[in-house]
Amino acid sequence: MSSRTCSPKFPIRAHAIRPEFRTLGHFQTLPFGRAIPSAAKNLSVRPFTEFILSKAEGFRVTVLVDQSPEVRFRGFSFVELLVTMFIVGIMLTAMAGFFSINVATRHNMGMVTEAQQGLRALLEIITQELRQAGACLPTTGLFVALDGADGGDQDSLTLRIGQVDRDTLACVQGSATAAVAQGAVTFPVSAGQGSLFADTTLVYVTDGANGEFHPLASASDTRLTLAEGVERNYPAGSGIYGVEERVYAIDAGGARPMMTVAVDGGVAWPLVDGVERFNVQYLLGPCEPDCADVVDLPADTTEWRLVREVFIEAEVMAPQAQRDGQYAAEGGQITVKPRNLID
């Protein structure tokens, strides 16, 4: 049987045998036992090797491979190097663009997360303290649990909570055992009451109708000493209460707006960076189920005592700009019911 060209259904590649060899391009299917024609072998004087690639239906598929050293160790041509460098350049450009987009996306997402965390922290802190506002404080006379100032989108909010003894969990409070004259700094109290004020820095003094706040200078078992004199006369039996006060306000005087908190009449400390909006509204009772009125700030003690819910809307800006130069901002709102103000 005469030789015939290999069918396309038999794909033959030299690198499938040995990658450093180059085929002479002569592929034949020959019957078993038939030698490779000498004409094929004489096509090249270079060393060659016969490889049998396949045997099927009585035929063998062979390929002549050139193994000469100059072919086996031949390098790349200049054109091949240029093509390779061009392809590699395209790939590197695409990868650089991908990494740049990835870095920008991660940065932008990080800034959004920062703004979200700042907003969440602010609302959680205020929610917790609003729910405790008014605890262990008098329910008659002046309303002292809440206070504030209306500043448009940058309001301030004052929260006051009666202090609790850490050991007994009793409210820190006492009563004057003798009258206290205007300008006096000393409050005599019943035995044992003074020791409850050992960790107190701010007190509220009241005769049931009027009252005032003063820093506490020192406390003994039967005597409390204020840092400044009282503004009116107080009869025996007047109450004195340990108070924890928090004043939340935005400081817009720096490069970025900052939510600050002042504790017990002290200096304002930074709390949350980038707070641009802090709008507080008060929902007045009765609430059946909707509250009767919503005000930006209660006008007097009578309106303050009608407060049943506090609505807060806040917006926090990320600490750094995104890749497009814009600042991410996250806004949110809460409605809190102070437990001690609900009848």
Protein backbone atom coordinates (compact mmCIF):
# COMPACT_ATOMS: atom_id res chain seq x y z
CA MET A 1 0.00 0.00 0.00
CA SER A 2 1.38 3.36 -1.01
CA SER A 3 2.00 6.11 1.50
CA ARG A 4 -0.58 8.88 1.97
CA THR A 5 -0.68 12.20 3.72
CA CYS A 6 -1.85 12.23 7.38
CA SER A 7 -5.49 13.17 7.76
CA PRO A 8 -6.32 16.44 9.57
CA LYS A 9 -8.02 14.33 12.18
CA PHE A 10 -4.53 13.35 13.39
CA PRO A 11 -3.11 16.66 14.73
CA ILE A 12 0.66 16.25 15.12
CA ARG A 13 2.86 18.86 16.85
CA ALA A 14 6.57 18.50 17.44
CA HIS A 15 6.36 20.10 20.93
CA ALA A 16 4.08 17.27 21.93
CA ILE A 17 7.16 15.05 21.69
CA ARG A 18 10.10 17.24 22.69
CA PRO A 19 9.70 21.05 22.89
CA GLU A 20 13.27 21.78 21.77
CA PHE A 21 12.95 19.84 18.50
CA ARG A 22 11.72 21.19 15.19
CA THR A 23 9.90 18.95 12.73
CA LEU A 24 10.91 18.80 9.09
CA GLY A 25 7.24 18.89 8.17
CA HIS A 26 7.08 15.39 6.68
CA PHE A 27 4.15 13.44 8.15
CA GLN A 28 3.18 10.09 6.66
CA THR A 29 0.98 7.14 7.47
CA LEU A 30 2.74 3.91 6.48
CA PRO A 31 1.70 0.26 6.82
CA PHE A 32 3.40 -1.69 9.54
CA GLY A 33 6.72 -3.07 8.42
CA ARG A 34 7.27 -0.55 5.64
CA ALA A 35 10.38 1.58 5.94
CA ILE A 36 10.46 5.34 5.64
CA PRO A 37 11.30 6.26 2.04
CA SER A 38 14.92 7.20 1.52
CA ALA A 39 13.85 10.30 -0.35
CA ALA A 40 12.31 11.58 2.83
CA LYS A 41 15.42 10.86 4.81
CA ASN A 42 17.61 12.61 2.24
CA LEU A 43 15.68 15.85 2.48
CA SER A 44 18.13 17.01 5.10
CA VAL A 45 21.65 16.05 5.91
CA ARG A 46 21.03 17.07 9.50
CA PRO A 47 20.51 14.47 12.21
CA PHE A 48 16.94 13.37 12.53
CA THR A 49 14.92 11.00 14.65
CA GLU A 50 11.90 9.04 13.59
CA PHE A 51 9.02 9.17 16.08
CA ILE A 52 6.01 6.89 15.80
CA LEU A 53 3.11 9.01 16.94
CA SER A 54 0.19 6.66 16.38
CA LYS A 55 -0.71 3.18 15.25
CA ALA A 56 -4.21 2.51 14.06
CA GLU A 57 -5.84 0.07 11.60
CA GLY A 58 -2.50 -1.27 10.42
CA PHE A 59 -0.79 2.08 9.83
CA ARG A 60 1.78 4.03 11.75
CA VAL A 61 2.03 7.83 11.85
CA THR A 62 5.62 9.04 11.80
CA VAL A 63 7.40 12.38 11.95
CA LEU A 64 11.01 13.26 11.16
CA VAL A 65 12.49 15.66 13.73
CA ASP A 66 15.52 17.84 13.10
CA GLN A 67 17.94 17.55 16.08
CA SER A 68 20.81 19.63 14.78
CA PRO A 69 22.40 21.84 17.54
CA GLU A 70 21.86 25.09 15.65
CA VAL A 71 18.13 24.35 15.53
CA ARG A 72 17.87 22.87 18.98
CA PHE A 73 19.40 25.92 20.68
CA ARG A 74 18.19 28.64 18.33
CA GLY A 75 17.14 31.92 20.12
CA PHE A 76 14.30 34.39 19.43
CA SER A 77 14.44 36.79 16.53
CA PHE A 78 14.21 40.57 16.99
CA VAL A 79 10.68 40.58 15.56
CA GLU A 80 9.65 37.86 18.00
CA LEU A 81 11.03 39.89 20.89
CA LEU A 82 9.16 43.00 19.75
CA VAL A 83 5.89 41.09 19.45
CA THR A 84 6.42 39.55 22.90
CA MET A 85 7.19 42.92 24.47
CA PHE A 86 4.13 44.43 22.83
CA ILE A 87 1.86 41.70 24.18
CA VAL A 88 3.41 41.90 27.64
CA GLY A 89 3.01 45.69 27.60
CA ILE A 90 -0.68 45.38 26.82
CA MET A 91 -1.13 42.87 29.63
CA LEU A 92 0.75 45.04 32.15
CA THR A 93 -1.27 48.11 31.16
CA ALA A 94 -4.52 46.21 31.70
CA MET A 95 -3.32 44.86 35.04
CA ALA A 96 -2.18 48.32 36.20
CA GLY A 97 -5.60 49.74 35.37
CA PHE A 98 -7.28 46.91 37.23
CA PHE A 99 -5.16 47.40 40.36
CA SER A 100 -5.71 51.17 40.26
CA ILE A 101 -9.48 50.71 40.11
CA ASN A 102 -9.30 48.12 42.89
CA VAL A 103 -7.30 50.42 45.18
CA ALA A 104 -9.66 53.35 44.52
CA THR A 105 -12.70 51.18 45.21
CA ARG A 106 -11.28 49.91 48.49
CA HIS A 107 -10.40 53.46 49.56
CA ASN A 108 -13.89 54.73 48.74
CA MET A 109 -15.54 51.84 50.57
CA GLY A 110 -13.30 52.47 53.56
CA MET A 111 -14.38 56.11 53.73
CA VAL A 112 -18.05 55.13 53.55
CA THR A 113 -17.46 52.65 56.37
CA GLU A 114 -15.76 55.32 58.48
CA ALA A 115 -18.74 57.63 58.08
CA GLN A 116 -21.17 54.82 58.93
CA GLN A 117 -19.25 53.87 62.06
CA GLY A 118 -19.12 57.48 63.24
CA LEU A 119 -22.86 57.89 62.74
CA ARG A 120 -23.62 54.61 64.49
CA ALA A 121 -21.43 55.46 67.47
CA LEU A 122 -23.01 58.91 67.87
CA LEU A 123 -26.60 57.67 67.76
CA GLU A 124 -25.91 54.71 70.06
CA ILE A 125 -24.30 56.88 72.74
CA ILE A 126 -27.09 59.44 72.73
CA THR A 127 -29.81 56.78 72.61
CA GLN A 128 -28.43 55.06 75.69
CA GLU A 129 -28.22 58.25 77.73
CA LEU A 130 -31.56 59.63 76.55
CA ARG A 131 -33.30 56.53 77.86
CA GLN A 132 -31.80 57.17 81.32
CA ALA A 133 -32.39 60.93 81.39
CA GLY A 134 -34.19 62.06 84.53
CA ALA A 135 -33.43 58.94 86.61
CA CYS A 136 -32.90 59.72 90.34
CA LEU A 137 -33.83 63.39 89.80
CA PRO A 138 -36.79 65.33 91.25
CA THR A 139 -40.04 65.24 89.30
CA THR A 140 -41.36 68.50 90.72
CA GLY A 141 -40.17 72.07 90.42
CA LEU A 142 -37.85 72.91 87.54
CA PHE A 143 -37.47 70.38 84.75
CA VAL A 144 -33.81 69.37 84.70
CA ALA A 145 -33.64 66.05 82.86
CA LEU A 146 -33.28 67.63 79.40
CA ASP A 147 -32.18 70.94 77.99
CA GLY A 148 -30.81 72.23 74.72
CA ALA A 149 -30.41 75.01 72.20
CA ASP A 150 -31.90 75.30 68.72
CA GLY A 151 -29.17 76.02 66.18
CA GLY A 152 -30.87 75.00 62.94
CA ASP A 153 -29.06 71.90 61.72
CA GLN A 154 -26.48 72.11 64.50
CA ASP A 155 -28.42 71.92 67.75
CA SER A 156 -27.06 71.17 71.20
CA LEU A 157 -28.56 68.64 73.61
CA THR A 158 -28.11 68.49 77.39
CA LEU A 159 -28.87 65.24 79.24
CA ARG A 160 -28.90 64.84 83.01
CA ILE A 161 -29.02 61.60 84.94
CA GLY A 162 -29.09 61.27 88.71
CA GLN A 163 -25.93 59.66 90.05
CA VAL A 164 -26.13 56.15 91.53
CA ASP A 165 -23.93 54.75 94.30
CA ARG A 166 -21.69 52.07 92.80
CA ASP A 167 -21.94 49.73 95.79
CA THR A 168 -25.59 49.98 96.83
CA LEU A 169 -27.08 51.24 93.53
CA ALA A 170 -29.00 53.79 95.61
CA CYS A 171 -29.64 57.26 94.20
CA VAL A 172 -27.08 59.78 95.43
CA GLN A 173 -29.19 62.38 97.20
CA GLY A 174 -29.64 64.06 100.54
CA SER A 175 -31.53 66.83 102.32
CA ALA A 176 -30.41 69.89 104.26
CA THR A 177 -30.73 69.49 108.04
CA ALA A 178 -30.65 73.28 108.51
CA ALA A 179 -31.42 76.38 106.49
CA VAL A 180 -28.78 77.53 104.02
CA ALA A 181 -28.43 81.27 103.43
CA GLN A 182 -27.80 82.93 100.10
CA GLY A 183 -24.09 82.91 99.26
CA ALA A 184 -23.32 79.96 101.59
CA VAL A 185 -21.20 77.08 100.29
CA THR A 186 -21.87 74.53 103.05
CA PHE A 187 -24.84 72.15 103.08
CA PRO A 188 -25.39 70.18 106.29
CA VAL A 189 -26.94 66.76 105.58
CA SER A 190 -28.08 63.79 107.62
CA ALA A 191 -25.46 61.38 108.93
CA GLY A 192 -24.31 58.98 106.22
CA GLN A 193 -25.76 60.97 103.35
CA GLY A 194 -22.60 62.97 102.73
CA SER A 195 -20.52 59.84 102.10
CA LEU A 196 -22.74 58.99 99.11
CA PHE A 197 -21.32 62.07 97.34
CA ALA A 198 -17.71 60.88 97.49
CA ASP A 199 -17.47 60.47 93.68
CA THR A 200 -19.76 63.36 92.78
CA THR A 201 -18.56 66.42 90.86
CA LEU A 202 -21.87 68.20 90.13
CA VAL A 203 -24.96 68.64 92.35
CA TYR A 204 -28.45 70.05 91.93
CA VAL A 205 -29.91 71.97 94.88
CA THR A 206 -33.68 72.56 95.03
CA ASP A 207 -36.35 73.69 97.46
CA GLY A 208 -39.10 71.98 95.44
CA ALA A 209 -39.92 75.00 93.29
CA ASN A 210 -36.56 76.45 92.30
CA GLY A 211 -33.13 75.00 91.93
CA GLU A 212 -29.56 75.48 90.68
CA PHE A 213 -26.49 73.47 89.68
CA HIS A 214 -23.13 73.79 91.41
CA PRO A 215 -19.79 71.97 91.28
CA LEU A 216 -19.10 70.00 94.45
CA ALA A 217 -15.78 70.80 96.12
CA SER A 218 -15.75 68.18 98.89
CA ALA A 219 -17.98 65.83 100.88
CA SER A 220 -17.88 64.43 104.43
CA ASP A 221 -20.30 62.21 106.30
CA THR A 222 -22.57 65.10 107.37
CA ARG A 223 -21.47 68.05 105.25
CA LEU A 224 -21.26 68.98 101.57
CA THR A 225 -19.13 71.91 100.42
CA LEU A 226 -19.93 73.60 97.12
CA ALA A 227 -17.34 75.27 94.90
CA GLU A 228 -19.44 78.47 94.84
CA GLY A 229 -22.17 80.06 96.94
CA VAL A 230 -25.88 79.43 96.32
CA GLU A 231 -27.94 82.12 94.65
CA ARG A 232 -30.93 82.11 97.09
CA ASN A 233 -31.95 81.02 100.56
CA TYR A 234 -32.83 77.35 101.02
CA PRO A 235 -34.88 76.14 103.99
CA ALA A 236 -34.16 73.02 105.97
CA GLY A 237 -35.34 69.96 104.07
CA SER A 238 -34.17 71.27 100.69
CA GLY A 239 -32.93 68.49 98.50
CA ILE A 240 -29.48 68.03 97.00
CA TYR A 241 -28.85 65.51 94.21
CA GLY A 242 -25.73 64.10 92.62
CA VAL A 243 -25.94 64.68 88.85
CA GLU A 244 -24.17 63.33 85.76
CA GLU A 245 -24.52 65.87 82.96
CA ARG A 246 -23.64 65.54 79.28
CA VAL A 247 -23.81 68.43 76.81
CA TYR A 248 -23.57 67.42 73.15
CA ALA A 249 -22.81 70.16 70.63
CA ILE A 250 -21.07 70.62 67.26
CA ASP A 251 -17.82 72.58 67.21
CA ALA A 252 -17.58 74.07 63.71
CA GLY A 253 -14.59 76.28 64.46
CA GLY A 254 -11.94 73.88 63.13
CA ALA A 255 -11.12 72.53 59.70
CA ARG A 256 -13.82 69.89 60.13
CA PRO A 257 -17.00 69.94 62.21
CA MET A 258 -16.67 67.92 65.39
CA MET A 259 -19.30 66.59 67.80
CA THR A 260 -18.12 67.37 71.31
CA VAL A 261 -19.31 66.40 74.78
CA ALA A 262 -18.87 68.38 78.00
CA VAL A 263 -19.13 66.32 81.17
CA ASP A 264 -20.48 67.79 84.42
CA GLY A 265 -19.90 71.38 83.36
CA GLY A 266 -16.30 70.78 82.29
CA VAL A 267 -14.55 71.53 79.01
CA ALA A 268 -15.88 70.10 75.75
CA TRP A 269 -14.03 67.05 74.47
CA PRO A 270 -14.11 65.74 70.88
CA LEU A 271 -16.44 62.78 70.48
CA VAL A 272 -17.16 62.10 66.78
CA ASP A 273 -15.31 63.68 63.87
CA GLY A 274 -17.10 65.06 60.81
CA VAL A 275 -20.60 65.58 62.27
CA GLU A 276 -22.18 68.12 59.91
CA ARG A 277 -25.79 67.82 60.96
CA PHE A 278 -27.35 67.35 64.40
CA ASN A 279 -31.00 68.33 64.40
CA VAL A 280 -33.04 67.66 67.55
CA GLN A 281 -36.83 67.87 67.84
CA TYR A 282 -39.11 67.12 70.77
CA LEU A 283 -42.44 65.31 70.52
CA LEU A 284 -44.94 66.53 73.10
CA GLY A 285 -47.62 64.39 74.68
CA PRO A 286 -50.15 63.09 74.83
CA CYS A 287 -49.13 60.48 72.23
CA GLU A 288 -52.20 58.40 71.31
CA PRO A 289 -50.58 56.99 69.27
CA ASP A 290 -49.09 60.05 67.52
CA CYS A 291 -47.78 62.84 69.68
CA ALA A 292 -49.79 66.05 69.83
CA ASP A 293 -47.05 68.41 68.71
CA VAL A 294 -43.44 68.56 67.53
CA VAL A 295 -41.24 71.51 68.53
CA ASP A 296 -37.63 72.43 67.88
CA LEU A 297 -37.20 73.41 71.53
CA PRO A 298 -39.75 73.46 74.40
CA ALA A 299 -40.48 77.00 75.52
CA ASP A 300 -40.68 76.48 79.30
CA THR A 301 -40.85 73.94 82.12
CA THR A 302 -44.49 73.20 81.32
CA GLU A 303 -43.64 72.18 77.75
CA TRP A 304 -40.53 70.31 78.85
CA ARG A 305 -42.65 68.14 81.10
CA LEU A 306 -44.78 67.22 78.07
CA VAL A 307 -41.82 65.74 76.22
CA ARG A 308 -42.45 62.05 75.50
CA GLU A 309 -40.10 61.37 72.61
CA VAL A 310 -36.94 62.92 71.19
CA PHE A 311 -36.26 62.85 67.44
CA ILE A 312 -32.65 63.23 66.27
CA GLU A 313 -31.37 63.52 62.71
CA ALA A 314 -27.60 63.39 62.19
CA GLU A 315 -25.14 63.30 59.30
CA VAL A 316 -21.45 62.36 59.50
CA MET A 317 -18.80 63.09 56.86
CA ALA A 318 -15.91 60.70 56.13
CA PRO A 319 -12.46 61.76 57.41
CA GLN A 320 -10.86 61.73 53.93
CA ALA A 321 -12.01 62.52 50.41
CA GLN A 322 -12.75 59.77 47.93
CA ARG A 323 -10.69 59.36 44.76
CA ASP A 324 -12.97 61.75 42.90
CA GLY A 325 -12.35 64.45 45.51
CA GLN A 326 -15.82 64.21 47.07
CA TYR A 327 -16.45 63.33 50.72
CA ALA A 328 -18.73 60.42 51.55
CA ALA A 329 -21.43 61.22 54.10
CA GLU A 330 -23.89 59.02 55.97
CA GLY A 331 -27.11 60.27 57.50
CA GLY A 332 -29.57 58.67 59.88
CA GLN A 333 -32.31 59.40 62.36
CA ILE A 334 -33.67 57.95 65.58
CA THR A 335 -36.65 58.48 67.84
CA VAL A 336 -36.05 57.77 71.52
CA LYS A 337 -38.50 57.57 74.39
CA PRO A 338 -36.86 58.67 77.66
CA ARG A 339 -38.14 56.05 80.10
CA ASN A 340 -38.16 58.35 83.10
CA LEU A 341 -40.27 60.99 81.36
CA ILE A 342 -43.16 58.68 80.41
CA ASP A 343 -46.16 58.78 82.72
